């Protein structure tokens, strides 16, 4: 099953927290590439950081919860909230999917 994971970051923490943990975070994503199919930051229209998004393939939300808590960003306090949503793709490359 596919899931979308939406992260809202703690705006009270400076960019230095993200910078300090970025290398470990990216290594974590690479190590978990079998499950985390895509990941990246989100920005408000103003350009300000707004969190992040993962596309995850997993058997259950519990698997995703464990991934989120294993991410080096989690214990840093950078993540303010996490929302896990199931996702069904119905359109790609200009056409409907069966």
PDB file of N, CA and C in Angstrom:
ATOM      1  N   UNK A   1       0.844  -1.174   0.000  1.00  0.00           N
ATOM      2  CA  UNK A   1       0.000   0.000   0.000  1.00  0.00           C
ATOM      3  C   UNK A   1       0.893   1.241   0.000  1.00  0.00           C
ATOM      4  N   UNK A   2       0.429   2.280  -0.683  1.00  0.00           N
ATOM      5  CA  UNK A   2       1.164   3.533  -0.730  1.00  0.00           C
ATOM      6  C   UNK A   2       0.607   4.525   0.279  1.00  0.00           C
ATOM      7  N   UNK A   3       1.521   5.262   0.895  1.00  0.00           N
ATOM      8  CA  UNK A   3       1.157   6.272   1.877  1.00  0.00           C
ATOM      9  C   UNK A   3       1.887   7.571   1.558  1.00  0.00           C
ATOM     10  N   UNK A   4       1.259   8.668   1.930  1.00  0.00           N
ATOM     11  CA  UNK A   4       1.887   9.979   1.910  1.00  0.00           C
ATOM     12  C   UNK A   4       2.106  10.365   3.364  1.00  0.00           C
ATOM     13  N   UNK A   5       3.314  10.808   3.675  1.00  0.00           N
ATOM     14  CA  UNK A   5       3.627  11.262   5.026  1.00  0.00           C
ATOM     15  C   UNK A   5       3.933  12.752   4.926  1.00  0.00           C
ATOM     16  N   UNK A   6       3.148  13.559   5.633  1.00  0.00           N
ATOM     17  CA  UNK A   6       3.321  15.006   5.642  1.00  0.00           C
ATOM     18  C   UNK A   6       3.932  15.431   6.971  1.00  0.00           C
ATOM     19  N   UNK A   7       5.015  16.158   6.879  1.00  0.00           N
ATOM     20  CA  UNK A   7       5.694  16.658   8.072  1.00  0.00           C
ATOM     21  C   UNK A   7       5.540  18.168   8.150  1.00  0.00           C
ATOM     22  N   UNK A   8       5.235  18.657   9.339  1.00  0.00           N
ATOM     23  CA  UNK A   8       5.278  20.087   9.614  1.00  0.00           C
ATOM     24  C   UNK A   8       6.446  20.286  10.560  1.00  0.00           C
ATOM     25  N   UNK A   9       7.322  21.212  10.232  1.00  0.00           N
ATOM     26  CA  UNK A   9       8.505  21.428  11.054  1.00  0.00           C
ATOM     27  C   UNK A   9       8.248  22.420  12.173  1.00  0.00           C
ATOM     28  N   UNK A  10       9.065  22.321  13.191  1.00  0.00           N
ATOM     29  CA  UNK A  10       9.031  23.224  14.329  1.00  0.00           C
ATOM     30  C   UNK A  10       9.689  24.533  13.905  1.00  0.00           C
ATOM     31  N   UNK A  11       8.901  25.581  13.734  1.00  0.00           N
ATOM     32  CA  UNK A  11       9.427  26.846  13.226  1.00  0.00           C
ATOM     33  C   UNK A  11      10.299  27.577  14.244  1.00  0.00           C
ATOM     34  N   UNK A  12      10.255  27.156  15.499  1.00  0.00           N
ATOM     35  CA  UNK A  12      11.076  27.824  16.511  1.00  0.00           C
ATOM     36  C   UNK A  12      12.530  27.364  16.460  1.00  0.00           C
ATOM     37  N   UNK A  13      12.796  26.271  15.752  1.00  0.00           N
ATOM     38  CA  UNK A  13      14.172  25.805  15.603  1.00  0.00           C
ATOM     39  C   UNK A  13      14.782  26.430  14.361  1.00  0.00           C
ATOM     40  N   UNK A  14      16.014  26.835  14.463  1.00  0.00           N
ATOM     41  CA  UNK A  14      16.689  27.483  13.347  1.00  0.00           C
ATOM     42  C   UNK A  14      17.138  26.500  12.282  1.00  0.00           C
ATOM     43  N   UNK A  15      17.558  27.064  11.161  1.00  0.00           N
ATOM     44  CA  UNK A  15      18.053  26.269  10.040  1.00  0.00           C
ATOM     45  C   UNK A  15      19.295  25.480  10.419  1.00  0.00           C
ATOM     46  N   UNK A  16      19.992  25.911  11.462  1.00  0.00           N
ATOM     47  CA  UNK A  16      21.201  25.190  11.891  1.00  0.00           C
ATOM     48  C   UNK A  16      20.883  23.775  12.361  1.00  0.00           C
ATOM     49  N   UNK A  17      19.708  23.564  12.951  1.00  0.00           N
ATOM     50  CA  UNK A  17      19.304  22.219  13.391  1.00  0.00           C
ATOM     51  C   UNK A  17      19.160  21.313  12.175  1.00  0.00           C
ATOM     52  N   UNK A  18      18.501  21.795  11.140  1.00  0.00           N
ATOM     53  CA  UNK A  18      18.328  21.021   9.907  1.00  0.00           C
ATOM     54  C   UNK A  18      19.697  20.728   9.295  1.00  0.00           C
ATOM     55  N   UNK A  19      20.540  21.742   9.206  1.00  0.00           N
ATOM     56  CA  UNK A  19      21.865  21.586   8.610  1.00  0.00           C
ATOM     57  C   UNK A  19      22.701  20.543   9.352  1.00  0.00           C
ATOM     58  N   UNK A  20      22.669  20.575  10.676  1.00  0.00           N
ATOM     59  CA  UNK A  20      23.464  19.636  11.490  1.00  0.00           C
ATOM     60  C   UNK A  20      23.059  18.187  11.269  1.00  0.00           C
ATOM     61  N   UNK A  21      21.792  17.947  11.006  1.00  0.00           N
ATOM     62  CA  UNK A  21      21.287  16.584  10.891  1.00  0.00           C
ATOM     63  C   UNK A  21      21.023  16.141   9.452  1.00  0.00           C
ATOM     64  N   UNK A  22      21.261  17.023   8.483  1.00  0.00           N
ATOM     65  CA  UNK A  22      20.910  16.730   7.089  1.00  0.00           C
ATOM     66  C   UNK A  22      21.662  15.527   6.531  1.00  0.00           C
ATOM     67  N   UNK A  23      22.955  15.429   6.755  1.00  0.00           N
ATOM     68  CA  UNK A  23      23.725  14.299   6.205  1.00  0.00           C
ATOM     69  C   UNK A  23      23.199  12.973   6.740  1.00  0.00           C
ATOM     70  N   UNK A  24      22.924  12.913   8.046  1.00  0.00           N
ATOM     71  CA  UNK A  24      22.393  11.679   8.644  1.00  0.00           C
ATOM     72  C   UNK A  24      20.987  11.395   8.122  1.00  0.00           C
ATOM     73  N   UNK A  25      20.185  12.431   7.941  1.00  0.00           N
ATOM     74  CA  UNK A  25      18.822  12.282   7.411  1.00  0.00           C
ATOM     75  C   UNK A  25      18.867  11.712   5.993  1.00  0.00           C
ATOM     76  N   UNK A  26      19.733  12.260   5.137  1.00  0.00           N
ATOM     77  CA  UNK A  26      19.838  11.773   3.759  1.00  0.00           C
ATOM     78  C   UNK A  26      20.359  10.340   3.711  1.00  0.00           C
ATOM     79  N   UNK A  27      21.305  10.004   4.585  1.00  0.00           N
ATOM     80  CA  UNK A  27      21.785   8.610   4.669  1.00  0.00           C
ATOM     81  C   UNK A  27      20.657   7.682   5.098  1.00  0.00           C
ATOM     82  N   UNK A  28      19.835   8.139   6.039  1.00  0.00           N
ATOM     83  CA  UNK A  28      18.672   7.366   6.493  1.00  0.00           C
ATOM     84  C   UNK A  28      17.725   7.100   5.327  1.00  0.00           C
ATOM     85  N   UNK A  29      17.443   8.131   4.536  1.00  0.00           N
ATOM     86  CA  UNK A  29      16.554   7.955   3.380  1.00  0.00           C
ATOM     87  C   UNK A  29      17.137   6.947   2.397  1.00  0.00           C
ATOM     88  N   UNK A  30      18.428   7.042   2.122  1.00  0.00           N
ATOM     89  CA  UNK A  30      19.078   6.095   1.207  1.00  0.00           C
ATOM     90  C   UNK A  30      19.001   4.668   1.748  1.00  0.00           C
ATOM     91  N   UNK A  31      19.224   4.514   3.037  1.00  0.00           N
ATOM     92  CA  UNK A  31      19.189   3.193   3.674  1.00  0.00           C
ATOM     93  C   UNK A  31      17.779   2.581   3.613  1.00  0.00           C
ATOM     94  N   UNK A  32      16.759   3.433   3.581  1.00  0.00           N
ATOM     95  CA  UNK A  32      15.364   2.969   3.581  1.00  0.00           C
ATOM     96  C   UNK A  32      14.673   3.174   2.239  1.00  0.00           C
ATOM     97  N   UNK A  33      15.457   3.219   1.169  1.00  0.00           N
ATOM     98  CA  UNK A  33      14.912   3.477  -0.172  1.00  0.00           C
ATOM     99  C   UNK A  33      13.937   2.407  -0.645  1.00  0.00           C
ATOM    100  N   UNK A  34      14.016   1.200  -0.106  1.00  0.00           N
ATOM    101  CA  UNK A  34      13.068   0.154  -0.492  1.00  0.00           C
ATOM    102  C   UNK A  34      11.640   0.523  -0.077  1.00  0.00           C
ATOM    103  N   UNK A  35      11.501   1.301   0.973  1.00  0.00           N
ATOM    104  CA  UNK A  35      10.176   1.707   1.464  1.00  0.00           C
ATOM    105  C   UNK A  35       9.865   3.167   1.125  1.00  0.00           C
ATOM    106  N   UNK A  36      10.836   4.057   1.350  1.00  0.00           N
ATOM    107  CA  UNK A  36      10.629   5.487   1.100  1.00  0.00           C
ATOM    108  C   UNK A  36      10.945   5.741  -0.369  1.00  0.00           C
ATOM    109  N   UNK A  37       9.902   5.845  -1.183  1.00  0.00           N
ATOM    110  CA  UNK A  37      10.048   5.936  -2.631  1.00  0.00           C
ATOM    111  C   UNK A  37      10.422   7.332  -3.105  1.00  0.00           C
ATOM    112  N   UNK A  38      10.003   8.352  -2.371  1.00  0.00           N
ATOM    113  CA  UNK A  38      10.315   9.738  -2.712  1.00  0.00           C
ATOM    114  C   UNK A  38      10.238  10.559  -1.436  1.00  0.00           C
ATOM    115  N   UNK A  39      11.048  11.612  -1.366  1.00  0.00           N
ATOM    116  CA  UNK A  39      11.057  12.478  -0.191  1.00  0.00           C
ATOM    117  C   UNK A  39      11.573  13.847  -0.590  1.00  0.00           C
ATOM    118  N   UNK A  40      11.094  14.865   0.094  1.00  0.00           N
ATOM    119  CA  UNK A  40      11.600  16.196  -0.183  1.00  0.00           C
ATOM    120  C   UNK A  40      10.937  17.250   0.674  1.00  0.00           C
ATOM    121  N   UNK A  41      11.560  18.433   0.706  1.00  0.00           N
ATOM    122  CA  UNK A  41      11.027  19.528   1.523  1.00  0.00           C
ATOM    123  C   UNK A  41       9.819  20.186   0.865  1.00  0.00           C
ATOM    124  N   UNK A  42       9.005  20.795   1.696  1.00  0.00           N
ATOM    125  CA  UNK A  42       7.875  21.603   1.246  1.00  0.00           C
ATOM    126  C   UNK A  42       8.157  23.057   1.621  1.00  0.00           C
ATOM    127  N   UNK A  43       7.690  23.971   0.791  1.00  0.00           N
ATOM    128  CA  UNK A  43       7.861  25.394   1.074  1.00  0.00           C
ATOM    129  C   UNK A  43       6.524  26.108   0.884  1.00  0.00           C
ATOM    130  N   UNK A  44       6.313  27.113   1.706  1.00  0.00           N
ATOM    131  CA  UNK A  44       5.155  27.985   1.535  1.00  0.00           C
ATOM    132  C   UNK A  44       5.371  28.806   0.262  1.00  0.00           C
ATOM    133  N   UNK A  45       4.321  29.399  -0.254  1.00  0.00           N
ATOM    134  CA  UNK A  45       4.451  30.217  -1.458  1.00  0.00           C
ATOM    135  C   UNK A  45       5.417  31.378  -1.251  1.00  0.00           C
ATOM    136  N   UNK A  46       5.598  31.780  -0.012  1.00  0.00           N
ATOM    137  CA  UNK A  46       6.556  32.844   0.327  1.00  0.00           C
ATOM    138  C   UNK A  46       8.003  32.368   0.200  1.00  0.00           C
ATOM    139  N   UNK A  47       8.183  31.034   0.113  1.00  0.00           N
ATOM    140  CA  UNK A  47       9.529  30.471   0.064  1.00  0.00           C
ATOM    141  C   UNK A  47      10.017  29.962   1.403  1.00  0.00           C
ATOM    142  N   UNK A  48       9.272  30.240   2.453  1.00  0.00           N
ATOM    143  CA  UNK A  48       9.662  29.782   3.793  1.00  0.00           C
ATOM    144  C   UNK A  48       9.499  28.270   3.907  1.00  0.00           C
ATOM    145  N   UNK A  49      10.404  27.602   4.632  1.00  0.00           N
ATOM    146  CA  UNK A  49      10.259  26.158   4.846  1.00  0.00           C
ATOM    147  C   UNK A  49       8.915  25.844   5.491  1.00  0.00           C
ATOM    148  N   UNK A  50       8.281  24.741   5.028  1.00  0.00           N
ATOM    149  CA  UNK A  50       6.962  24.375   5.550  1.00  0.00           C
ATOM    150  C   UNK A  50       6.891  22.915   5.972  1.00  0.00           C
ATOM    151  N   UNK A  51       8.019  22.199   5.942  1.00  0.00           N
ATOM    152  CA  UNK A  51       8.000  20.795   6.352  1.00  0.00           C
ATOM    153  C   UNK A  51       8.535  19.903   5.255  1.00  0.00           C
ATOM    154  N   UNK A  52       7.946  18.718   5.137  1.00  0.00           N
ATOM    155  CA  UNK A  52       8.419  17.769   4.139  1.00  0.00           C
ATOM    156  C   UNK A  52       7.354  16.758   3.781  1.00  0.00           C
ATOM    157  N   UNK A  53       7.653  15.956   2.766  1.00  0.00           N
ATOM    158  CA  UNK A  53       6.726  14.953   2.277  1.00  0.00           C
ATOM    159  C   UNK A  53       7.501  13.698   1.910  1.00  0.00           C
ATOM    160  N   UNK A  54       6.976  12.556   2.303  1.00  0.00           N
ATOM    161  CA  UNK A  54       7.504  11.253   1.881  1.00  0.00           C
ATOM    162  C   UNK A  54       6.394  10.496   1.175  1.00  0.00           C
ATOM    163  N   UNK A  55       6.768   9.719   0.165  1.00  0.00           N
ATOM    164  CA  UNK A  55       5.893   8.709  -0.431  1.00  0.00           C
ATOM    165  C   UNK A  55       6.475   7.379   0.039  1.00  0.00           C
ATOM    166  N   UNK A  56       5.660   6.591   0.732  1.00  0.00           N
ATOM    167  CA  UNK A  56       6.152   5.372   1.367  1.00  0.00           C
ATOM    168  C   UNK A  56       5.309   4.173   0.958  1.00  0.00           C
ATOM    169  N   UNK A  57       5.979   3.067   0.671  1.00  0.00           N
ATOM    170  CA  UNK A  57       5.300   1.802   0.433  1.00  0.00           C
ATOM    171  C   UNK A  57       5.481   0.951   1.679  1.00  0.00           C
ATOM    172  N   UNK A  58       4.354   0.561   2.285  1.00  0.00           N
ATOM    173  CA  UNK A  58       4.413  -0.206   3.532  1.00  0.00           C
ATOM    174  C   UNK A  58       3.152  -1.030   3.708  1.00  0.00           C
ATOM    175  N   UNK A  59       3.247  -2.023   4.579  1.00  0.00           N
ATOM    176  CA  UNK A  59       2.104  -2.890   4.860  1.00  0.00           C
ATOM    177  C   UNK A  59       1.109  -2.253   5.822  1.00  0.00           C
ATOM    178  N   UNK A  60       1.591  -1.315   6.654  1.00  0.00           N
ATOM    179  CA  UNK A  60       0.706  -0.707   7.640  1.00  0.00           C
ATOM    180  C   UNK A  60       1.270   0.638   8.101  1.00  0.00           C
ATOM    181  N   UNK A  61       0.407   1.475   8.666  1.00  0.00           N
ATOM    182  CA  UNK A  61       0.872   2.745   9.218  1.00  0.00           C
ATOM    183  C   UNK A  61       1.887   2.560  10.359  1.00  0.00           C
ATOM    184  N   UNK A  62       1.841   1.435  11.058  1.00  0.00           N
ATOM    185  CA  UNK A  62       2.798   1.182  12.142  1.00  0.00           C
ATOM    186  C   UNK A  62       4.234   1.131  11.618  1.00  0.00           C
ATOM    187  N   UNK A  63       4.407   0.570  10.430  1.00  0.00           N
ATOM    188  CA  UNK A  63       5.732   0.515   9.808  1.00  0.00           C
ATOM    189  C   UNK A  63       6.230   1.938   9.544  1.00  0.00           C
ATOM    190  N   UNK A  64       5.344   2.782   9.076  1.00  0.00           N
ATOM    191  CA  UNK A  64       5.705   4.173   8.778  1.00  0.00           C
ATOM    192  C   UNK A  64       6.022   4.923  10.056  1.00  0.00           C
ATOM    193  N   UNK A  65       5.240   4.713  11.085  1.00  0.00           N
ATOM    194  CA  UNK A  65       5.497   5.357  12.370  1.00  0.00           C
ATOM    195  C   UNK A  65       6.903   5.011  12.871  1.00  0.00           C
ATOM    196  N   UNK A  66       7.301   3.756  12.726  1.00  0.00           N
ATOM    197  CA  UNK A  66       8.647   3.339  13.138  1.00  0.00           C
ATOM    198  C   UNK A  66       9.711   4.033  12.281  1.00  0.00           C
ATOM    199  N   UNK A  67       9.465   4.165  10.985  1.00  0.00           N
ATOM    200  CA  UNK A  67      10.408   4.873  10.108  1.00  0.00           C
ATOM    201  C   UNK A  67      10.561   6.331  10.532  1.00  0.00           C
ATOM    202  N   UNK A  68       9.443   6.993  10.765  1.00  0.00           N
ATOM    203  CA  UNK A  68       9.467   8.403  11.168  1.00  0.00           C
ATOM    204  C   UNK A  68      10.310   8.578  12.423  1.00  0.00           C
ATOM    205  N   UNK A  69      10.122   7.701  13.397  1.00  0.00           N
ATOM    206  CA  UNK A  69      10.835   7.836  14.674  1.00  0.00           C
ATOM    207  C   UNK A  69      12.297   7.422  14.576  1.00  0.00           C
ATOM    208  N   UNK A  70      12.671   6.693  13.516  1.00  0.00           N
ATOM    209  CA  UNK A  70      14.067   6.312  13.306  1.00  0.00           C
ATOM    210  C   UNK A  70      14.833   7.379  12.517  1.00  0.00           C
ATOM    211  N   UNK A  71      14.125   8.304  11.891  1.00  0.00           N
ATOM    212  CA  UNK A  71      14.746   9.371  11.115  1.00  0.00           C
ATOM    213  C   UNK A  71      15.537  10.287  12.059  1.00  0.00           C
ATOM    214  N   UNK A  72      16.784  10.616  11.738  1.00  0.00           N
ATOM    215  CA  UNK A  72      17.581  11.504  12.596  1.00  0.00           C
ATOM    216  C   UNK A  72      16.941  12.868  12.864  1.00  0.00           C
ATOM    217  N   UNK A  73      16.030  13.317  12.007  1.00  0.00           N
ATOM    218  CA  UNK A  73      15.328  14.574  12.280  1.00  0.00           C
ATOM    219  C   UNK A  73      14.390  14.454  13.482  1.00  0.00           C
ATOM    220  N   UNK A  74      13.877  13.254  13.770  1.00  0.00           N
ATOM    221  CA  UNK A  74      12.880  13.087  14.831  1.00  0.00           C
ATOM    222  C   UNK A  74      13.418  13.483  16.216  1.00  0.00           C
ATOM    223  N   UNK A  75      14.522  12.907  16.700  1.00  0.00           N
ATOM    224  CA  UNK A  75      14.973  13.272  18.049  1.00  0.00           C
ATOM    225  C   UNK A  75      15.524  14.699  18.146  1.00  0.00           C
ATOM    226  N   UNK A  76      15.787  15.337  16.997  1.00  0.00           N
ATOM    227  CA  UNK A  76      16.298  16.710  17.016  1.00  0.00           C
ATOM    228  C   UNK A  76      15.216  17.707  17.402  1.00  0.00           C
ATOM    229  N   UNK A  77      13.960  17.270  17.347  1.00  0.00           N
ATOM    230  CA  UNK A  77      12.844  18.163  17.638  1.00  0.00           C
ATOM    231  C   UNK A  77      12.396  18.964  16.425  1.00  0.00           C
ATOM    232  N   UNK A  78      13.011  18.710  15.273  1.00  0.00           N
ATOM    233  CA  UNK A  78      12.669  19.457  14.064  1.00  0.00           C
ATOM    234  C   UNK A  78      11.229  19.210  13.625  1.00  0.00           C
ATOM    235  N   UNK A  79      10.761  17.987  13.778  1.00  0.00           N
ATOM    236  CA  UNK A  79       9.407  17.657  13.343  1.00  0.00           C
ATOM    237  C   UNK A  79       8.391  18.086  14.402  1.00  0.00           C
ATOM    238  N   UNK A  80       7.490  18.964  14.001  1.00  0.00           N
ATOM    239  CA  UNK A  80       6.439  19.442  14.904  1.00  0.00           C
ATOM    240  C   UNK A  80       5.233  18.508  14.866  1.00  0.00           C
ATOM    241  N   UNK A  81       4.887  18.045  13.653  1.00  0.00           N
ATOM    242  CA  UNK A  81       3.767  17.118  13.522  1.00  0.00           C
ATOM    243  C   UNK A  81       3.995  16.213  12.313  1.00  0.00           C
ATOM    244  N   UNK A  82       3.326  15.065  12.353  1.00  0.00           N
ATOM    245  CA  UNK A  82       3.421  14.080  11.280  1.00  0.00           C
ATOM    246  C   UNK A  82       2.003  13.608  10.982  1.00  0.00           C
ATOM    247  N   UNK A  83       1.692  13.545   9.699  1.00  0.00           N
ATOM    248  CA  UNK A  83       0.375  13.053   9.279  1.00  0.00           C
ATOM    249  C   UNK A  83       0.588  11.960   8.241  1.00  0.00           C
ATOM    250  N   UNK A  84       0.011  10.784   8.485  1.00  0.00           N
ATOM    251  CA  UNK A  84       0.145   9.642   7.586  1.00  0.00           C
ATOM    252  C   UNK A  84      -1.204   9.418   6.908  1.00  0.00           C
ATOM    253  N   UNK A  85      -1.181   9.431   5.564  1.00  0.00           N
ATOM    254  CA  UNK A  85      -2.404   9.261   4.775  1.00  0.00           C
ATOM    255  C   UNK A  85      -2.195   8.146   3.765  1.00  0.00           C
ATOM    256  N   UNK A  86      -3.206   7.297   3.570  1.00  0.00           N
ATOM    257  CA  UNK A  86      -3.111   6.297   2.504  1.00  0.00           C
ATOM    258  C   UNK A  86      -3.374   7.008   1.179  1.00  0.00           C
ATOM    259  N   UNK A  87      -2.785   6.475   0.108  1.00  0.00           N
ATOM    260  CA  UNK A  87      -2.897   7.126  -1.193  1.00  0.00           C
ATOM    261  C   UNK A  87      -3.139   6.089  -2.266  1.00  0.00           C
ATOM    262  N   UNK A  88      -4.109   6.363  -3.136  1.00  0.00           N
ATOM    263  CA  UNK A  88      -4.404   5.507  -4.280  1.00  0.00           C
ATOM    264  C   UNK A  88      -4.203   6.331  -5.545  1.00  0.00           C
ATOM    265  N   UNK A  89      -3.239   5.965  -6.338  1.00  0.00           N
ATOM    266  CA  UNK A  89      -2.962   6.692  -7.566  1.00  0.00           C
ATOM    267  C   UNK A  89      -3.962   6.269  -8.636  1.00  0.00           C
ATOM    268  N   UNK A  90      -4.628   7.252  -9.247  1.00  0.00           N
ATOM    269  CA  UNK A  90      -5.625   6.964 -10.277  1.00  0.00           C
ATOM    270  C   UNK A  90      -5.290   7.623 -11.615  1.00  0.00           C
ATOM    271  N   UNK A  91      -4.220   8.429 -11.648  1.00  0.00           N
ATOM    272  CA  UNK A  91      -3.861   9.143 -12.860  1.00  0.00           C
ATOM    273  C   UNK A  91      -2.356   9.311 -12.918  1.00  0.00           C
ATOM    274  N   UNK A  92      -1.743   9.029 -14.065  1.00  0.00           N
ATOM    275  CA  UNK A  92      -0.299   9.191 -14.255  1.00  0.00           C
ATOM    276  C   UNK A  92       0.017   9.282 -15.738  1.00  0.00           C
ATOM    277  N   UNK A  93       1.034  10.052 -16.051  1.00  0.00           N
ATOM    278  CA  UNK A  93       1.515  10.166 -17.423  1.00  0.00           C
ATOM    279  C   UNK A  93       0.389  10.490 -18.410  1.00  0.00           C
ATOM    280  N   UNK A  94      -0.537  11.347 -17.988  1.00  0.00           N
ATOM    281  CA  UNK A  94      -1.589  11.809 -18.886  1.00  0.00           C
ATOM    282  C   UNK A  94      -2.767  10.879 -19.075  1.00  0.00           C
ATOM    283  N   UNK A  95      -2.831   9.829 -18.265  1.00  0.00           N
ATOM    284  CA  UNK A  95      -3.971   8.904 -18.440  1.00  0.00           C
ATOM    285  C   UNK A  95      -4.401   8.279 -17.116  1.00  0.00           C
ATOM    286  N   UNK A  96      -5.641   7.787 -17.153  1.00  0.00           N
ATOM    287  CA  UNK A  96      -6.194   7.089 -15.991  1.00  0.00           C
ATOM    288  C   UNK A  96      -5.496   5.754 -15.801  1.00  0.00           C
ATOM    289  N   UNK A  97      -5.391   5.351 -14.563  1.00  0.00           N
ATOM    290  CA  UNK A  97      -4.819   4.043 -14.260  1.00  0.00           C
ATOM    291  C   UNK A  97      -5.948   3.060 -13.973  1.00  0.00           C
ATOM    292  N   UNK A  98      -5.733   1.792 -14.330  1.00  0.00           N
ATOM    293  CA  UNK A  98      -6.796   0.792 -14.090  1.00  0.00           C
ATOM    294  C   UNK A  98      -7.052   0.579 -12.605  1.00  0.00           C
TER     295      UNK A  98
END
